[in-house]
Amino acid sequence: MKGNLAFNRTRRSAFTVIEVMIAVAIMSMMLVAILQVLSAARLIRDRIHNTQETQMAGPIIMDLIMEDLRGIHTLGRPSSEHLKINDRVQYGLDADRIDFVTTTSSREPMLIDYKLRRSQVCEVGYVTRSNPDDDEFLELFRREGFGVDEAPFVGGTYTFLSDRVKAFSIEVLDQDGDEGEVITEWGSSKVTNDQHMGLPASVVISLTLENTPRLLKEQLEFTSSARMTVTYQRTIRFPQSLRRQESELAFLAIPTAPSDEPGAGEEEGDPNSTDPSGDVKEPVNEED
């Protein structure tokens, strides 16, 4: 009798297999719920980071372009070298290009006479190319040439700006207001109209960037709905004082000092030379 009571007490104090399985199932569900919460928190963190990163990168790039365009340099330069815009498409994406000369100090110093110097006038351009790692995106670069040479739209060094560009579009308005014609090519070899040279009334630049996953190798889930594209657009208007015809452009030249002597600068013995009164001098006959 006592032996049966002891056996029953031992049996009641132990866990059955069913109870252990139920406990394991409950713990598993709790762990799964915790992992889902942590995963959702990480995804939200990454999306916030990506949004902030894109929101910071976009305005910084656009401000850089606007700063260079506001300092555009046209004095002493023909209208064909004021501004060049090429309408390009790469893999179905807008991949326009813009080149000009600006008074913005060069950002890439050059070693001259054992000193790093910056140029006060330099060649600047913004150009895109296909992303070698992902053909769905473009890479954006800033071209800079130290000083100005005979070919202001080529050469220089390229600085990387972004590799998540979905579109880089540039449009030109030849007149102010709503009556202006939208032009996609300006100052390039494709332009046949002489009026599409020099500076237009305004330039509209659009830049579209897409968010990128923060942790490419660790992130388990990144759906297309989480990818956000943001388009930034800026418009710069050029003053009328810079938009002049070729014949009205100002060019730098060395002035010549006028002489007080009458007839200065005239060739001796020229029978058609004029005196200060404007009358034609008759040739002198030495025999008379």
Protein backbone atom coordinates (compact mmCIF):
# COMPACT_ATOMS: atom_id res chain seq x y z
CA MET A 1 0.00 0.00 0.00
CA LYS A 2 2.79 2.38 0.95
CA GLY A 3 4.66 1.41 -2.19
CA ASN A 4 1.72 2.40 -4.42
CA LEU A 5 1.39 5.78 -2.69
CA ALA A 6 5.08 6.53 -3.25
CA PHE A 7 4.79 5.55 -6.93
CA ASN A 8 1.75 7.81 -7.40
CA ARG A 9 3.51 10.79 -5.75
CA THR A 10 6.56 10.34 -8.04
CA ARG A 11 4.36 10.07 -11.09
CA ARG A 12 2.44 13.26 -10.22
CA SER A 13 5.61 15.36 -9.65
CA ALA A 14 7.06 14.65 -13.16
CA PHE A 15 6.06 16.24 -16.57
CA THR A 16 4.42 14.16 -19.21
CA VAL A 17 5.55 14.16 -22.83
CA ILE A 18 2.43 16.04 -23.86
CA GLU A 19 3.08 18.82 -21.34
CA VAL A 20 6.66 19.18 -22.54
CA MET A 21 5.52 19.39 -26.17
CA ILE A 22 2.94 22.02 -25.29
CA ALA A 23 5.57 24.09 -23.47
CA VAL A 24 7.98 23.82 -26.42
CA ALA A 25 5.24 24.86 -28.83
CA ILE A 26 4.38 27.90 -26.73
CA MET A 27 8.03 28.94 -26.49
CA SER A 28 8.45 28.46 -30.25
CA MET A 29 5.50 30.71 -30.99
CA MET A 30 6.87 33.33 -28.61
CA LEU A 31 10.29 33.21 -30.32
CA VAL A 32 8.71 33.48 -33.75
CA ALA A 33 6.68 36.50 -32.65
CA ILE A 34 9.80 38.14 -31.17
CA LEU A 35 11.76 37.50 -34.38
CA GLN A 36 8.98 38.99 -36.48
CA VAL A 37 8.93 42.10 -34.30
CA LEU A 38 12.71 42.44 -34.55
CA SER A 39 12.65 41.91 -38.32
CA ALA A 40 9.89 44.49 -38.77
CA ALA A 41 11.82 46.95 -36.59
CA ARG A 42 14.95 46.42 -38.66
CA LEU A 43 13.05 46.92 -41.91
CA ILE A 44 11.54 50.15 -40.60
CA ARG A 45 14.97 51.30 -39.46
CA ASP A 46 16.47 50.56 -42.88
CA ARG A 47 13.64 52.34 -44.70
CA ILE A 48 14.05 55.42 -42.50
CA HIS A 49 17.80 55.35 -43.10
CA ASN A 50 17.35 54.96 -46.86
CA THR A 51 14.82 57.77 -47.01
CA GLN A 52 17.04 60.10 -45.02
CA GLU A 53 20.06 59.16 -47.11
CA THR A 54 18.23 59.83 -50.37
CA GLN A 55 16.69 63.04 -49.06
CA MET A 56 20.15 64.25 -48.12
CA ALA A 57 21.92 63.11 -51.31
CA GLY A 58 19.37 64.57 -53.71
CA PRO A 59 19.37 68.15 -52.41
CA ILE A 60 23.15 68.14 -52.03
CA ILE A 61 23.62 67.17 -55.69
CA MET A 62 21.04 69.68 -56.90
CA ASP A 63 22.56 72.47 -54.81
CA LEU A 64 25.96 71.65 -56.32
CA ILE A 65 24.56 71.89 -59.86
CA MET A 66 22.77 75.15 -59.10
CA GLU A 67 25.89 76.68 -57.56
CA ASP A 68 27.91 75.88 -60.69
CA LEU A 69 25.21 77.20 -63.03
CA ARG A 70 24.82 80.46 -61.12
CA GLY A 71 28.51 81.12 -61.69
CA ILE A 72 28.38 80.42 -65.44
CA HIS A 73 31.10 82.34 -67.28
CA THR A 74 30.39 83.91 -70.68
CA LEU A 75 32.61 87.01 -70.81
CA GLY A 76 34.98 86.90 -73.75
CA ARG A 77 33.64 83.59 -75.01
CA PRO A 78 31.66 82.89 -78.21
CA SER A 79 28.05 81.83 -77.87
CA SER A 80 28.89 78.30 -79.02
CA GLU A 81 30.94 77.81 -75.84
CA HIS A 82 28.44 79.15 -73.30
CA LEU A 83 26.33 76.07 -72.65
CA LYS A 84 26.06 72.59 -74.11
CA ILE A 85 23.22 70.15 -73.37
CA ASN A 86 22.95 66.69 -74.91
CA ASP A 87 19.73 64.68 -74.89
CA ARG A 88 20.71 61.06 -74.24
CA VAL A 89 18.99 57.79 -73.31
CA GLN A 90 20.71 54.75 -71.79
CA TYR A 91 18.85 51.48 -71.21
CA GLY A 92 15.56 53.36 -71.53
CA LEU A 93 16.51 55.91 -68.84
CA ASP A 94 16.98 59.64 -69.33
CA ALA A 95 20.73 60.22 -69.23
CA ASP A 96 21.21 63.84 -70.34
CA ARG A 97 24.48 65.73 -70.12
CA ILE A 98 25.31 69.39 -69.45
CA ASP A 99 28.66 71.21 -69.84
CA PHE A 100 29.69 74.83 -69.33
CA VAL A 101 32.38 77.12 -67.90
CA THR A 102 31.88 78.48 -64.40
CA THR A 103 33.54 80.91 -62.02
CA THR A 104 33.09 78.47 -59.14
CA SER A 105 36.47 77.63 -57.65
CA SER A 106 37.75 74.23 -58.69
CA ARG A 107 37.14 71.52 -56.12
CA GLU A 108 40.07 69.43 -57.29
CA PRO A 109 43.31 71.33 -56.53
CA MET A 110 46.32 71.00 -58.80
CA LEU A 111 49.97 70.93 -57.78
CA ILE A 112 51.64 74.00 -59.35
CA ASP A 113 55.09 75.18 -58.26
CA TYR A 114 55.00 72.71 -55.37
CA LYS A 115 51.76 74.23 -54.06
CA LEU A 116 48.17 73.04 -54.28
CA ARG A 117 46.24 75.71 -56.15
CA ARG A 118 42.62 76.11 -57.19
CA SER A 119 41.40 77.74 -60.37
CA GLN A 120 38.92 80.61 -60.16
CA VAL A 121 37.48 79.65 -63.57
CA CYS A 122 37.09 76.02 -64.60
CA GLU A 123 35.21 73.69 -66.93
CA VAL A 124 32.31 71.83 -65.32
CA GLY A 125 29.92 69.18 -66.56
CA TYR A 126 27.45 66.64 -65.21
CA VAL A 127 27.33 63.33 -67.05
CA THR A 128 25.75 59.91 -66.45
CA ARG A 129 26.73 56.41 -67.47
CA SER A 130 25.20 52.98 -67.02
CA ASN A 131 25.78 51.33 -63.66
CA PRO A 132 28.20 48.42 -64.23
CA ASP A 133 26.69 46.48 -61.30
CA ASP A 134 23.02 47.02 -62.11
CA ASP A 135 21.68 48.03 -65.53
CA GLU A 136 18.49 49.38 -63.91
CA PHE A 137 20.37 52.40 -62.61
CA LEU A 138 22.72 55.11 -63.80
CA GLU A 139 25.80 56.60 -62.22
CA LEU A 140 26.12 60.39 -62.00
CA PHE A 141 29.51 62.14 -62.18
CA ARG A 142 30.72 65.73 -61.98
CA ARG A 143 33.36 66.63 -64.57
CA GLU A 144 35.85 69.34 -63.76
CA GLY A 145 38.68 70.75 -65.84
CA PHE A 146 41.31 72.95 -64.20
CA GLY A 147 41.17 76.31 -65.95
CA VAL A 148 39.78 76.69 -69.47
CA ASP A 149 41.32 75.40 -72.69
CA GLU A 150 40.32 75.36 -76.35
CA ALA A 151 37.95 72.41 -75.78
CA PRO A 152 35.88 73.41 -72.71
CA PHE A 153 33.35 70.58 -73.03
CA VAL A 154 35.75 67.61 -72.92
CA GLY A 155 38.49 66.34 -70.67
CA GLY A 156 38.99 66.87 -66.96
CA THR A 157 38.54 64.65 -63.94
CA TYR A 158 35.31 62.92 -62.91
CA THR A 159 33.96 62.83 -59.36
CA PHE A 160 31.38 60.19 -58.39
CA LEU A 161 28.09 61.53 -57.03
CA SER A 162 25.50 58.70 -57.01
CA ASP A 163 24.93 55.19 -58.35
CA ARG A 164 21.15 54.94 -57.79
CA VAL A 165 20.01 57.37 -60.48
CA LYS A 166 16.81 56.45 -62.30
CA ALA A 167 16.70 59.55 -64.51
CA PHE A 168 18.70 62.72 -65.16
CA SER A 169 16.70 65.00 -67.43
CA ILE A 170 17.47 68.54 -68.63
CA GLU A 171 15.01 70.78 -70.47
CA VAL A 172 15.63 74.24 -71.89
CA LEU A 173 13.16 77.12 -72.33
CA ASP A 174 14.15 79.65 -74.97
CA GLN A 175 11.70 82.31 -73.74
CA ASP A 176 10.26 83.45 -70.44
CA GLY A 177 6.72 82.54 -69.50
CA ASP A 178 4.42 79.86 -70.83
CA GLU A 179 5.16 80.71 -74.45
CA GLY A 180 8.69 79.34 -74.27
CA GLU A 181 9.46 76.28 -76.37
CA VAL A 182 10.79 73.22 -74.53
CA ILE A 183 14.13 72.21 -76.07
CA THR A 184 16.14 69.09 -75.24
CA GLU A 185 19.32 69.89 -77.22
CA TRP A 186 21.26 73.12 -76.77
CA GLY A 187 24.61 74.22 -78.16
CA SER A 188 25.54 70.72 -79.35
CA SER A 189 26.57 69.50 -82.77
CA LYS A 190 23.01 68.24 -83.36
CA VAL A 191 21.61 71.77 -83.16
CA THR A 192 20.97 73.29 -86.58
CA ASN A 193 19.28 76.45 -85.34
CA ASP A 194 21.70 79.27 -84.52
CA GLN A 195 19.23 80.60 -81.98
CA HIS A 196 19.86 77.55 -79.81
CA MET A 197 23.29 78.86 -78.88
CA GLY A 198 24.49 81.02 -76.04
CA LEU A 199 22.28 81.03 -72.96
CA PRO A 200 18.54 80.21 -72.92
CA ALA A 201 15.90 81.86 -70.79
CA SER A 202 15.93 79.05 -68.22
CA VAL A 203 17.05 75.49 -67.61
CA VAL A 204 14.97 72.85 -65.77
CA ILE A 205 16.96 69.97 -64.26
CA SER A 206 15.26 66.84 -62.87
CA LEU A 207 17.04 64.13 -60.89
CA THR A 208 15.33 60.89 -59.85
CA LEU A 209 16.97 58.72 -57.18
CA GLU A 210 15.87 55.39 -55.74
CA ASN A 211 16.43 54.13 -52.21
CA THR A 212 18.91 51.32 -51.77
CA PRO A 213 18.85 48.52 -49.12
CA ARG A 214 21.10 49.38 -46.22
CA LEU A 215 22.21 45.78 -45.56
CA LEU A 216 22.33 43.89 -48.84
CA LYS A 217 23.83 40.70 -47.41
CA GLU A 218 21.97 40.60 -44.11
CA GLN A 219 18.57 41.81 -45.22
CA LEU A 220 16.23 38.85 -45.74
CA GLU A 221 13.30 40.75 -47.19
CA PHE A 222 13.23 43.84 -49.37
CA THR A 223 10.19 43.97 -51.60
CA SER A 224 9.59 46.37 -54.47
CA SER A 225 7.01 48.22 -52.42
CA ALA A 226 9.78 49.26 -50.04
CA ARG A 227 11.77 50.84 -52.85
CA MET A 228 10.93 54.51 -53.09
CA THR A 229 11.88 56.86 -55.91
CA VAL A 230 12.25 60.55 -55.22
CA THR A 231 12.43 63.18 -57.97
CA TYR A 232 14.13 66.52 -57.36
CA GLN A 233 13.65 69.41 -59.76
CA ARG A 234 15.33 72.78 -59.92
CA THR A 235 14.92 75.68 -62.35
CA ILE A 236 17.51 78.34 -62.96
CA ARG A 237 16.77 81.47 -64.97
CA PHE A 238 19.53 83.39 -66.73
CA PRO A 239 19.26 87.21 -66.72
CA GLN A 240 18.65 89.07 -69.94
CA SER A 241 22.06 90.75 -69.66
CA LEU A 242 23.74 87.40 -70.34
CA ARG A 243 21.39 86.34 -73.14
CA ARG A 244 22.70 88.47 -75.97
CA GLN A 245 23.29 87.95 -79.65
CA GLU A 246 26.72 87.05 -80.93
CA SER A 247 27.30 90.61 -82.21
CA GLU A 248 26.40 92.09 -78.82
CA LEU A 249 28.69 89.90 -76.73
CA ALA A 250 31.48 91.61 -74.82
CA PHE A 251 35.02 90.39 -75.46
CA LEU A 252 38.14 91.20 -73.54
CA ALA A 253 40.64 93.30 -75.50
CA ILE A 254 43.66 95.51 -74.86
CA PRO A 255 42.67 99.16 -75.53
CA THR A 256 44.94 101.34 -77.65
CA ALA A 257 45.80 104.84 -76.46
CA PRO A 258 44.85 107.57 -78.96
CA SER A 259 47.65 109.86 -80.15
CA ASP A 260 47.43 113.68 -80.00
CA GLU A 261 49.48 114.20 -83.20
CA PRO A 262 47.39 114.87 -86.30
CA GLY A 263 47.56 112.17 -88.90
CA ALA A 264 49.12 109.67 -86.45
CA GLY A 265 48.99 106.12 -87.63
CA GLU A 266 48.77 107.06 -91.29
CA GLU A 267 51.23 105.61 -93.74
CA GLU A 268 53.67 108.09 -95.23
CA GLY A 269 53.30 108.79 -98.90
CA ASP A 270 49.74 107.53 -99.07
CA PRO A 271 48.01 109.73 -101.63
CA ASN A 272 44.57 108.78 -100.31
CA SER A 273 45.26 109.68 -96.72
CA THR A 274 43.08 112.34 -95.14
CA ASP A 275 43.93 115.25 -92.97
CA PRO A 276 42.10 116.02 -89.69
CA SER A 277 39.53 118.07 -91.58
CA GLY A 278 38.54 115.01 -93.63
CA ASP A 279 39.71 116.32 -96.99
CA VAL A 280 41.67 114.10 -99.32
CA LYS A 281 45.27 115.20 -99.78
CA GLU A 282 46.49 115.64 -103.30
CA PRO A 283 49.72 113.89 -104.21
CA VAL A 284 52.71 116.22 -104.13
CA ASN A 285 54.50 116.78 -107.44
CA GLU A 286 58.18 117.33 -106.70
CA GLU A 287 58.81 118.89 -110.16
CA ASP A 288 56.43 121.74 -109.38
